[in-house]
Amino acid sequence: MRIAHISDLHFGSICWSPLQFLSKRWTGNLNFVFKRKKNFHYNRLIDLIDLFKQQNVTHVSITGDLSVTSRRKEFKMARRYIDLLKNEGFAVFTIPGNHDQYTKRSYRKRSFYRFFDAKYDKGCSFDLKQDKVTYTPLQDGFWLMGIDTAVATSLISSEGYFSPQLEENFTKALEEIPKHEKVILMNHFPFFCNDSTKKQLLRGTLLKNILQKHPNVLLYLHGHTHRQTVADLRGSDLPIISDSGCTPHSKNGACHLFDFDDNKLKLDVYRYDGEWSKSESHSFKTT
């Protein structure tokens, strides 16, 4: 089993409709036109497919922000990319980020789930769209779990929300997984805040407290910050942190590849410099 972690793909297109001024969408559109458009290189995502094939990747985890302003056109672009991955035989798992619930309308209609799976496994009793959590067994005693903490926010905010409903369902979902088996958790937001409070995960401390009570959560995959990060927090009874940055970004893009065996986890960081190549490696004991 080899898992790839990518994030914050931000598939975007310029919106000309005057209706954008009735929502927050115009701010995201301006940001895309004057900033994101020149810094994002989507061809790198296509090149990743060859890397995944060369490196025998089996699963791809995408931790949110597949779009810029949660437009149908943007979701369709992201969906086409995911279809390319699936057509090559990769199992692909997604969760929404704040840009995927960008307007009140897209959040209310849960538009993200018209294009992307709400369940990772048909046998799972939890659904991302309704319960904000889902999971699936992988292999070798590993499970993959995703949580949805993305909400529509005010004009200048990009907060997430670990809601009381999710707190309850997340705890129940963890209890359904055998204690001796390992969990890989996907969330768009980090559970700690090193940025402006306008970018934080509200009630993130409660998520942190739950993680400290469940040491079988080995890996926490997230995005949102656009800063590639690897951190082993197990000394504080927390998981190993993986933030792959903003994968298609000209400077901050990265891809993380994970290998698992009985007592060791290997993490390779790949960056783009004309082509995707390994920039660093990390090894963690898991027993």
C-alpha atoms as a PDB file:
ATOM      1  CA  MET A   1       0.000   0.000   0.000  1.00  0.00           C
ATOM      2  CA  ARG A   2       1.369   3.389  -0.987  1.00  0.00           C
ATOM      3  CA  ILE A   3      -0.642   6.548  -0.326  1.00  0.00           C
ATOM      4  CA  ALA A   4      -0.188   9.939  -1.990  1.00  0.00           C
ATOM      5  CA  HIS A   5      -1.309  13.097  -0.195  1.00  0.00           C
ATOM      6  CA  ILE A   6      -2.047  16.222  -2.235  1.00  0.00           C
ATOM      7  CA  SER A   7      -4.111  19.273  -1.341  1.00  0.00           C
ATOM      8  CA  ASP A   8      -5.487  22.683  -2.310  1.00  0.00           C
ATOM      9  CA  LEU A   9      -5.694  22.026  -6.041  1.00  0.00           C
ATOM     10  CA  HIS A  10      -7.809  25.167  -6.585  1.00  0.00           C
ATOM     11  CA  PHE A  11      -9.174  24.457 -10.041  1.00  0.00           C
ATOM     12  CA  GLY A  12     -10.519  27.829 -11.131  1.00  0.00           C
ATOM     13  CA  SER A  13     -11.952  29.836 -13.990  1.00  0.00           C
ATOM     14  CA  ILE A  14     -12.816  33.508 -14.325  1.00  0.00           C
ATOM     15  CA  CYS A  15     -16.433  34.297 -13.515  1.00  0.00           C
ATOM     16  CA  TRP A  16     -18.006  37.135 -15.556  1.00  0.00           C
ATOM     17  CA  SER A  17     -21.517  36.905 -14.166  1.00  0.00           C
ATOM     18  CA  PRO A  18     -22.738  40.008 -12.273  1.00  0.00           C
ATOM     19  CA  LEU A  19     -24.504  37.621  -9.898  1.00  0.00           C
ATOM     20  CA  GLN A  20     -21.137  37.032  -8.222  1.00  0.00           C
ATOM     21  CA  PHE A  21     -21.610  40.369  -6.445  1.00  0.00           C
ATOM     22  CA  LEU A  22     -24.581  38.930  -4.563  1.00  0.00           C
ATOM     23  CA  SER A  23     -22.240  36.596  -2.677  1.00  0.00           C
ATOM     24  CA  LYS A  24     -18.646  36.270  -1.553  1.00  0.00           C
ATOM     25  CA  ARG A  25     -17.697  34.856  -4.959  1.00  0.00           C
ATOM     26  CA  TRP A  26     -16.443  38.168  -6.375  1.00  0.00           C
ATOM     27  CA  THR A  27     -13.620  38.304  -3.803  1.00  0.00           C
ATOM     28  CA  GLY A  28     -12.441  34.827  -4.744  1.00  0.00           C
ATOM     29  CA  ASN A  29     -12.706  35.728  -8.418  1.00  0.00           C
ATOM     30  CA  LEU A  30     -10.535  38.827  -7.968  1.00  0.00           C
ATOM     31  CA  ASN A  31      -7.996  36.799  -6.015  1.00  0.00           C
ATOM     32  CA  PHE A  32      -7.917  34.221  -8.799  1.00  0.00           C
ATOM     33  CA  VAL A  33      -7.467  36.838 -11.557  1.00  0.00           C
ATOM     34  CA  PHE A  34      -4.737  38.878  -9.894  1.00  0.00           C
ATOM     35  CA  LYS A  35      -2.927  36.292  -7.765  1.00  0.00           C
ATOM     36  CA  ARG A  36      -3.775  32.618  -8.023  1.00  0.00           C
ATOM     37  CA  LYS A  37      -3.969  32.398 -11.819  1.00  0.00           C
ATOM     38  CA  LYS A  38      -0.310  33.323 -12.327  1.00  0.00           C
ATOM     39  CA  ASN A  39       0.959  31.176  -9.429  1.00  0.00           C
ATOM     40  CA  PHE A  40      -0.901  27.952 -10.186  1.00  0.00           C
ATOM     41  CA  HIS A  41       0.475  25.441 -12.687  1.00  0.00           C
ATOM     42  CA  TYR A  42      -2.146  22.763 -13.255  1.00  0.00           C
ATOM     43  CA  ASN A  43       0.068  20.857 -15.689  1.00  0.00           C
ATOM     44  CA  ARG A  44       2.024  19.734 -12.627  1.00  0.00           C
ATOM     45  CA  LEU A  45      -1.040  17.823 -11.471  1.00  0.00           C
ATOM     46  CA  ILE A  46      -1.079  15.950 -14.778  1.00  0.00           C
ATOM     47  CA  ASP A  47       2.625  15.174 -14.378  1.00  0.00           C
ATOM     48  CA  LEU A  48       1.841  13.706 -10.958  1.00  0.00           C
ATOM     49  CA  ILE A  49      -0.047  10.873 -12.617  1.00  0.00           C
ATOM     50  CA  ASP A  50       3.172   9.570 -14.177  1.00  0.00           C
ATOM     51  CA  LEU A  51       4.955   9.918 -10.824  1.00  0.00           C
ATOM     52  CA  PHE A  52       2.210   7.951  -9.080  1.00  0.00           C
ATOM     53  CA  LYS A  53       2.492   5.176 -11.652  1.00  0.00           C
ATOM     54  CA  GLN A  54       6.282   5.072 -11.366  1.00  0.00           C
ATOM     55  CA  GLN A  55       6.115   4.985  -7.560  1.00  0.00           C
ATOM     56  CA  ASN A  56       3.393   2.317  -7.394  1.00  0.00           C
ATOM     57  CA  VAL A  57       0.891   4.543  -5.600  1.00  0.00           C
ATOM     58  CA  THR A  58      -2.336   2.740  -4.714  1.00  0.00           C
ATOM     59  CA  HIS A  59      -4.393   5.454  -2.964  1.00  0.00           C
ATOM     60  CA  VAL A  60      -4.645   9.244  -3.398  1.00  0.00           C
ATOM     61  CA  SER A  61      -5.915  11.491  -0.579  1.00  0.00           C
ATOM     62  CA  ILE A  62      -6.965  15.042  -1.505  1.00  0.00           C
ATOM     63  CA  THR A  63      -7.547  17.205   1.557  1.00  0.00           C
ATOM     64  CA  GLY A  64      -9.836  19.893   0.209  1.00  0.00           C
ATOM     65  CA  ASP A  65      -9.992  23.123  -1.770  1.00  0.00           C
ATOM     66  CA  LEU A  66     -10.497  21.422  -5.094  1.00  0.00           C
ATOM     67  CA  SER A  67     -12.099  24.645  -6.374  1.00  0.00           C
ATOM     68  CA  VAL A  68     -11.641  28.411  -6.029  1.00  0.00           C
ATOM     69  CA  THR A  69     -15.214  29.628  -5.455  1.00  0.00           C
ATOM     70  CA  SER A  70     -17.250  26.371  -5.516  1.00  0.00           C
ATOM     71  CA  ARG A  71     -18.636  26.969  -9.017  1.00  0.00           C
ATOM     72  CA  ARG A  72     -20.029  24.003 -10.930  1.00  0.00           C
ATOM     73  CA  LYS A  73     -17.488  24.632 -13.691  1.00  0.00           C
ATOM     74  CA  GLU A  74     -14.629  24.397 -11.193  1.00  0.00           C
ATOM     75  CA  PHE A  75     -15.992  21.227  -9.624  1.00  0.00           C
ATOM     76  CA  LYS A  76     -16.277  19.696 -13.104  1.00  0.00           C
ATOM     77  CA  MET A  77     -12.616  20.529 -13.777  1.00  0.00           C
ATOM     78  CA  ALA A  78     -11.611  18.847 -10.511  1.00  0.00           C
ATOM     79  CA  ARG A  79     -13.878  15.897 -11.264  1.00  0.00           C
ATOM     80  CA  ARG A  80     -12.193  15.374 -14.636  1.00  0.00           C
ATOM     81  CA  TYR A  81      -8.811  15.273 -12.930  1.00  0.00           C
ATOM     82  CA  ILE A  82     -10.022  12.742 -10.378  1.00  0.00           C
ATOM     83  CA  ASP A  83     -11.472  10.644 -13.190  1.00  0.00           C
ATOM     84  CA  LEU A  84      -8.018  10.622 -14.813  1.00  0.00           C
ATOM     85  CA  LEU A  85      -6.575   9.294 -11.553  1.00  0.00           C
ATOM     86  CA  LYS A  86      -9.275   6.657 -11.187  1.00  0.00           C
ATOM     87  CA  ASN A  87      -8.855   5.552 -14.793  1.00  0.00           C
ATOM     88  CA  GLU A  88      -5.219   4.745 -13.958  1.00  0.00           C
ATOM     89  CA  GLY A  89      -6.399   2.481 -11.149  1.00  0.00           C
ATOM     90  CA  PHE A  90      -5.837   4.759  -8.142  1.00  0.00           C
ATOM     91  CA  ALA A  91      -8.388   4.798  -5.326  1.00  0.00           C
ATOM     92  CA  VAL A  92      -9.141   8.498  -4.733  1.00  0.00           C
ATOM     93  CA  PHE A  93     -10.589  10.045  -1.571  1.00  0.00           C
ATOM     94  CA  THR A  94     -11.650  13.669  -1.140  1.00  0.00           C
ATOM     95  CA  ILE A  95     -12.978  16.048   1.490  1.00  0.00           C
ATOM     96  CA  PRO A  96     -14.136  19.649   0.967  1.00  0.00           C
ATOM     97  CA  GLY A  97     -12.167  22.722   1.996  1.00  0.00           C
ATOM     98  CA  ASN A  98     -13.425  26.222   2.717  1.00  0.00           C
ATOM     99  CA  HIS A  99     -13.202  27.147  -0.989  1.00  0.00           C
ATOM    100  CA  ASP A 100     -15.503  24.207  -1.767  1.00  0.00           C
ATOM    101  CA  GLN A 101     -18.209  25.655   0.511  1.00  0.00           C
ATOM    102  CA  TYR A 102     -17.376  29.217  -0.530  1.00  0.00           C
ATOM    103  CA  THR A 103     -20.852  30.746  -0.750  1.00  0.00           C
ATOM    104  CA  LYS A 104     -23.877  30.303   1.481  1.00  0.00           C
ATOM    105  CA  ARG A 105     -25.752  28.801  -1.452  1.00  0.00           C
ATOM    106  CA  SER A 106     -23.086  26.190  -2.242  1.00  0.00           C
ATOM    107  CA  TYR A 107     -22.882  25.291   1.449  1.00  0.00           C
ATOM    108  CA  ARG A 108     -26.648  25.084   1.878  1.00  0.00           C
ATOM    109  CA  LYS A 109     -27.043  22.911  -1.216  1.00  0.00           C
ATOM    110  CA  ARG A 110     -23.940  20.859  -0.328  1.00  0.00           C
ATOM    111  CA  SER A 111     -22.889  21.280  -3.970  1.00  0.00           C
ATOM    112  CA  PHE A 112     -19.520  19.599  -3.426  1.00  0.00           C
ATOM    113  CA  TYR A 113     -21.229  16.238  -2.954  1.00  0.00           C
ATOM    114  CA  ARG A 114     -22.914  16.413  -6.352  1.00  0.00           C
ATOM    115  CA  PHE A 115     -19.466  15.788  -7.815  1.00  0.00           C
ATOM    116  CA  PHE A 116     -17.507  13.932  -5.126  1.00  0.00           C
ATOM    117  CA  ASP A 117     -18.204  10.904  -2.950  1.00  0.00           C
ATOM    118  CA  ALA A 118     -19.865  11.369   0.419  1.00  0.00           C
ATOM    119  CA  LYS A 119     -18.902   7.829   1.453  1.00  0.00           C
ATOM    120  CA  TYR A 120     -15.584   6.027   1.124  1.00  0.00           C
ATOM    121  CA  ASP A 121     -17.233   2.643   1.675  1.00  0.00           C
ATOM    122  CA  LYS A 122     -20.845   1.667   1.023  1.00  0.00           C
ATOM    123  CA  GLY A 123     -20.837  -0.383   4.205  1.00  0.00           C
ATOM    124  CA  CYS A 124     -19.949   2.588   6.410  1.00  0.00           C
ATOM    125  CA  SER A 125     -22.833   3.920   8.503  1.00  0.00           C
ATOM    126  CA  PHE A 126     -21.458   7.479   8.348  1.00  0.00           C
ATOM    127  CA  ASP A 127     -21.825   9.865   5.419  1.00  0.00           C
ATOM    128  CA  LEU A 128     -19.747  13.031   4.911  1.00  0.00           C
ATOM    129  CA  LYS A 129     -22.701  14.969   3.501  1.00  0.00           C
ATOM    130  CA  GLN A 130     -25.045  14.210   6.387  1.00  0.00           C
ATOM    131  CA  ASP A 131     -22.806  13.151   9.286  1.00  0.00           C
ATOM    132  CA  LYS A 132     -19.623  15.047   8.319  1.00  0.00           C
ATOM    133  CA  VAL A 133     -17.508  11.913   8.752  1.00  0.00           C
ATOM    134  CA  THR A 134     -16.919   8.672   6.880  1.00  0.00           C
ATOM    135  CA  TYR A 135     -14.304   5.920   6.787  1.00  0.00           C
ATOM    136  CA  THR A 136     -13.139   2.825   4.968  1.00  0.00           C
ATOM    137  CA  PRO A 137     -10.775  -0.035   5.766  1.00  0.00           C
ATOM    138  CA  LEU A 138      -7.636  -0.032   3.644  1.00  0.00           C
ATOM    139  CA  GLN A 139      -5.332  -2.999   4.234  1.00  0.00           C
ATOM    140  CA  ASP A 140      -2.773  -4.289   6.713  1.00  0.00           C
ATOM    141  CA  GLY A 141      -4.765  -2.981   9.696  1.00  0.00           C
ATOM    142  CA  PHE A 142      -5.103   0.602   8.404  1.00  0.00           C
ATOM    143  CA  TRP A 143      -8.243   2.690   8.040  1.00  0.00           C
ATOM    144  CA  LEU A 144      -8.838   5.971   6.220  1.00  0.00           C
ATOM    145  CA  MET A 145     -11.254   8.478   7.756  1.00  0.00           C
ATOM    146  CA  GLY A 146     -12.364  11.859   6.430  1.00  0.00           C
ATOM    147  CA  ILE A 147     -14.141  14.682   8.236  1.00  0.00           C
ATOM    148  CA  ASP A 148     -15.893  17.740   6.776  1.00  0.00           C
ATOM    149  CA  THR A 149     -15.211  20.927   8.750  1.00  0.00           C
ATOM    150  CA  ALA A 150     -15.767  23.374   5.865  1.00  0.00           C
ATOM    151  CA  VAL A 151     -18.476  26.031   6.187  1.00  0.00           C
ATOM    152  CA  ALA A 152     -19.515  29.199   4.365  1.00  0.00           C
ATOM    153  CA  THR A 153     -17.973  32.210   6.094  1.00  0.00           C
ATOM    154  CA  SER A 154     -18.015  35.993   6.012  1.00  0.00           C
ATOM    155  CA  LEU A 155     -16.259  38.096   3.396  1.00  0.00           C
ATOM    156  CA  ILE A 156     -12.857  38.174   5.125  1.00  0.00           C
ATOM    157  CA  SER A 157     -12.933  34.828   6.916  1.00  0.00           C
ATOM    158  CA  SER A 158     -11.738  31.352   5.935  1.00  0.00           C
ATOM    159  CA  GLU A 159     -12.511  29.543   9.177  1.00  0.00           C
ATOM    160  CA  GLY A 160     -13.544  25.953   9.607  1.00  0.00           C
ATOM    161  CA  TYR A 161     -15.905  24.569  12.231  1.00  0.00           C
ATOM    162  CA  PHE A 162     -15.609  21.348  14.219  1.00  0.00           C
ATOM    163  CA  SER A 163     -19.303  21.280  15.044  1.00  0.00           C
ATOM    164  CA  PRO A 164     -20.947  19.552  18.029  1.00  0.00           C
ATOM    165  CA  GLN A 165     -22.633  17.194  15.548  1.00  0.00           C
ATOM    166  CA  LEU A 166     -19.269  16.256  14.065  1.00  0.00           C
ATOM    167  CA  GLU A 167     -17.696  15.960  17.513  1.00  0.00           C
ATOM    168  CA  GLU A 168     -20.307  13.351  18.429  1.00  0.00           C
ATOM    169  CA  ASN A 169     -20.185  11.469  15.128  1.00  0.00           C
ATOM    170  CA  PHE A 170     -16.387  11.544  14.921  1.00  0.00           C
ATOM    171  CA  THR A 171     -16.106  10.023  18.389  1.00  0.00           C
ATOM    172  CA  LYS A 172     -18.619   7.311  17.494  1.00  0.00           C
ATOM    173  CA  ALA A 173     -16.816   6.537  14.244  1.00  0.00           C
ATOM    174  CA  LEU A 174     -13.480   6.158  16.032  1.00  0.00           C
ATOM    175  CA  GLU A 175     -15.074   3.775  18.515  1.00  0.00           C
ATOM    176  CA  GLU A 176     -16.147   1.514  15.641  1.00  0.00           C
ATOM    177  CA  ILE A 177     -12.527   0.933  14.604  1.00  0.00           C
ATOM    178  CA  PRO A 178     -10.493  -1.678  16.525  1.00  0.00           C
ATOM    179  CA  LYS A 179      -8.121   0.001  18.980  1.00  0.00           C
ATOM    180  CA  HIS A 180      -5.117  -1.972  17.747  1.00  0.00           C
ATOM    181  CA  GLU A 181      -5.574  -0.818  14.145  1.00  0.00           C
ATOM    182  CA  LYS A 182      -4.257   2.475  12.759  1.00  0.00           C
ATOM    183  CA  VAL A 183      -6.290   5.410  11.467  1.00  0.00           C
ATOM    184  CA  ILE A 184      -5.241   7.910   8.804  1.00  0.00           C
ATOM    185  CA  LEU A 185      -7.386  11.021   9.277  1.00  0.00           C
ATOM    186  CA  MET A 186      -8.136  13.585   6.556  1.00  0.00           C
ATOM    187  CA  ASN A 187      -9.296  17.115   7.408  1.00  0.00           C
ATOM    188  CA  HIS A 188      -8.842  20.309   5.429  1.00  0.00           C
ATOM    189  CA  PHE A 189      -7.909  22.375   8.481  1.00  0.00           C
ATOM    190  CA  PRO A 190      -5.097  21.861  10.989  1.00  0.00           C
ATOM    191  CA  PHE A 191      -6.408  21.444  14.531  1.00  0.00           C
ATOM    192  CA  PHE A 192      -3.958  24.085  15.796  1.00  0.00           C
ATOM    193  CA  CYS A 193      -3.749  27.715  14.671  1.00  0.00           C
ATOM    194  CA  ASN A 194      -0.439  29.270  13.632  1.00  0.00           C
ATOM    195  CA  ASP A 195      -2.110  31.854  11.384  1.00  0.00           C
ATOM    196  CA  SER A 196      -4.652  34.625  11.772  1.00  0.00           C
ATOM    197  CA  THR A 197      -7.691  33.606  13.808  1.00  0.00           C
ATOM    198  CA  LYS A 198      -9.732  34.303  10.659  1.00  0.00           C
ATOM    199  CA  LYS A 199      -8.187  31.130   9.214  1.00  0.00           C
ATOM    200  CA  GLN A 200      -8.557  28.899  12.270  1.00  0.00           C
ATOM    201  CA  LEU A 201     -10.614  25.790  12.910  1.00  0.00           C
ATOM    202  CA  LEU A 202     -13.257  26.830  15.418  1.00  0.00           C
ATOM    203  CA  ARG A 203     -13.504  24.336  18.300  1.00  0.00           C
ATOM    204  CA  GLY A 204     -10.235  22.854  17.068  1.00  0.00           C
ATOM    205  CA  THR A 205      -9.133  22.324  20.660  1.00  0.00           C
ATOM    206  CA  LEU A 206     -11.955  19.809  21.071  1.00  0.00           C
ATOM    207  CA  LEU A 207     -10.725  17.897  18.029  1.00  0.00           C
ATOM    208  CA  LYS A 208      -7.235  17.944  19.513  1.00  0.00           C
ATOM    209  CA  ASN A 209      -8.581  16.548  22.804  1.00  0.00           C
ATOM    210  CA  ILE A 210     -10.286  13.660  21.007  1.00  0.00           C
ATOM    211  CA  LEU A 211      -7.108  12.847  19.090  1.00  0.00           C
ATOM    212  CA  GLN A 212      -5.129  12.714  22.325  1.00  0.00           C
ATOM    213  CA  LYS A 213      -7.569  10.077  23.608  1.00  0.00           C
ATOM    214  CA  HIS A 214      -7.157   7.943  20.460  1.00  0.00           C
ATOM    215  CA  PRO A 215      -3.471   7.129  19.928  1.00  0.00           C
ATOM    216  CA  ASN A 216      -4.366   4.766  17.084  1.00  0.00           C
ATOM    217  CA  VAL A 217      -4.861   7.875  14.898  1.00  0.00           C
ATOM    218  CA  LEU A 218      -1.378   7.681  13.420  1.00  0.00           C
ATOM    219  CA  LEU A 219      -1.541  10.273  10.634  1.00  0.00           C
ATOM    220  CA  TYR A 220      -3.348  13.593  10.287  1.00  0.00           C
ATOM    221  CA  LEU A 221      -3.470  14.783   6.669  1.00  0.00           C
ATOM    222  CA  HIS A 222      -4.505  18.394   6.090  1.00  0.00           C
ATOM    223  CA  GLY A 223      -4.126  21.383   3.803  1.00  0.00           C
ATOM    224  CA  HIS A 224      -5.395  24.990   4.056  1.00  0.00           C
ATOM    225  CA  THR A 225      -2.127  26.662   5.086  1.00  0.00           C
ATOM    226  CA  HIS A 226      -0.379  26.357   1.689  1.00  0.00           C
ATOM    227  CA  ARG A 227       2.789  25.504   3.635  1.00  0.00           C
ATOM    228  CA  GLN A 228       4.366  22.090   3.206  1.00  0.00           C
ATOM    229  CA  THR A 229       4.904  20.601   6.668  1.00  0.00           C
ATOM    230  CA  VAL A 230       5.853  17.312   8.309  1.00  0.00           C
ATOM    231  CA  ALA A 231       5.751  17.074  12.109  1.00  0.00           C
ATOM    232  CA  ASP A 232       5.763  14.152  14.535  1.00  0.00           C
ATOM    233  CA  LEU A 233       3.572  15.195  17.483  1.00  0.00           C
ATOM    234  CA  ARG A 234       3.308  11.783  19.103  1.00  0.00           C
ATOM    235  CA  GLY A 235       5.359  13.038  22.040  1.00  0.00           C
ATOM    236  CA  SER A 236       2.271  15.126  22.868  1.00  0.00           C
ATOM    237  CA  ASP A 237      -0.090  12.178  22.272  1.00  0.00           C
ATOM    238  CA  LEU A 238      -1.037  13.583  18.862  1.00  0.00           C
ATOM    239  CA  PRO A 239      -0.593  12.177  15.338  1.00  0.00           C
ATOM    240  CA  ILE A 240       2.121  12.669  12.759  1.00  0.00           C
ATOM    241  CA  ILE A 241       1.146  15.759  10.742  1.00  0.00           C
ATOM    242  CA  SER A 242       1.246  15.882   6.938  1.00  0.00           C
ATOM    243  CA  ASP A 243       0.511  19.144   5.107  1.00  0.00           C
ATOM    244  CA  SER A 244       1.379  18.834   1.415  1.00  0.00           C
ATOM    245  CA  GLY A 245       1.035  22.558   0.886  1.00  0.00           C
ATOM    246  CA  CYS A 246      -0.771  23.825  -2.197  1.00  0.00           C
ATOM    247  CA  THR A 247       0.256  21.124  -4.662  1.00  0.00           C
ATOM    248  CA  PRO A 248       0.034  23.063  -7.992  1.00  0.00           C
ATOM    249  CA  HIS A 249       1.522  26.279  -6.565  1.00  0.00           C
ATOM    250  CA  SER A 250       4.710  27.526  -8.244  1.00  0.00           C
ATOM    251  CA  LYS A 251       6.621  27.833  -4.945  1.00  0.00           C
ATOM    252  CA  ASN A 252       4.602  26.140  -2.206  1.00  0.00           C
ATOM    253  CA  GLY A 253       3.553  22.978  -4.008  1.00  0.00           C
ATOM    254  CA  ALA A 254       4.426  19.493  -2.806  1.00  0.00           C
ATOM    255  CA  CYS A 255       3.242  15.912  -2.821  1.00  0.00           C
ATOM    256  CA  HIS A 256       3.726  13.443   0.038  1.00  0.00           C
ATOM    257  CA  LEU A 257       4.080   9.701  -0.571  1.00  0.00           C
ATOM    258  CA  PHE A 258       3.666   7.241   2.305  1.00  0.00           C
ATOM    259  CA  ASP A 259       4.920   3.666   2.585  1.00  0.00           C
ATOM    260  CA  PHE A 260       3.746   1.387   5.392  1.00  0.00           C
ATOM    261  CA  ASP A 261       5.104  -1.830   6.845  1.00  0.00           C
ATOM    262  CA  ASP A 262       4.695  -3.664  10.151  1.00  0.00           C
ATOM    263  CA  ASN A 263       6.613  -1.224  12.319  1.00  0.00           C
ATOM    264  CA  LYS A 264       7.725   1.693  10.155  1.00  0.00           C
ATOM    265  CA  LEU A 265       6.217   4.551   8.191  1.00  0.00           C
ATOM    266  CA  LYS A 266       8.237   6.222   5.452  1.00  0.00           C
ATOM    267  CA  LEU A 267       7.250   9.636   4.083  1.00  0.00           C
ATOM    268  CA  ASP A 268       8.840  11.013   0.907  1.00  0.00           C
ATOM    269  CA  VAL A 269       8.340  14.678  -0.017  1.00  0.00           C
ATOM    270  CA  TYR A 270       8.279  15.483  -3.728  1.00  0.00           C
ATOM    271  CA  ARG A 271       8.615  18.986  -5.166  1.00  0.00           C
ATOM    272  CA  TYR A 272       8.513  20.311  -8.703  1.00  0.00           C
ATOM    273  CA  ASP A 273      11.589  21.709 -10.453  1.00  0.00           C
ATOM    274  CA  GLY A 274      11.020  21.020 -14.118  1.00  0.00           C
ATOM    275  CA  GLU A 275       9.762  17.618 -13.001  1.00  0.00           C
ATOM    276  CA  TRP A 276       8.589  16.007  -9.779  1.00  0.00           C
ATOM    277  CA  SER A 277      11.547  14.757  -7.736  1.00  0.00           C
ATOM    278  CA  LYS A 278      12.165  13.686  -4.169  1.00  0.00           C
ATOM    279  CA  SER A 279      13.380  16.550  -1.965  1.00  0.00           C
ATOM    280  CA  GLU A 280      13.411  14.893   1.468  1.00  0.00           C
ATOM    281  CA  SER A 281      12.495  11.699   3.307  1.00  0.00           C
ATOM    282  CA  HIS A 282      11.259  10.937   6.819  1.00  0.00           C
ATOM    283  CA  SER A 283      11.010   7.646   8.674  1.00  0.00           C
ATOM    284  CA  PHE A 284       8.857   6.960  11.747  1.00  0.00           C
ATOM    285  CA  LYS A 285       8.589   3.902  13.962  1.00  0.00           C
ATOM    286  CA  THR A 286       4.967   2.884  14.422  1.00  0.00           C
ATOM    287  CA  THR A 287       5.217   0.267  17.173  1.00  0.00           C
END
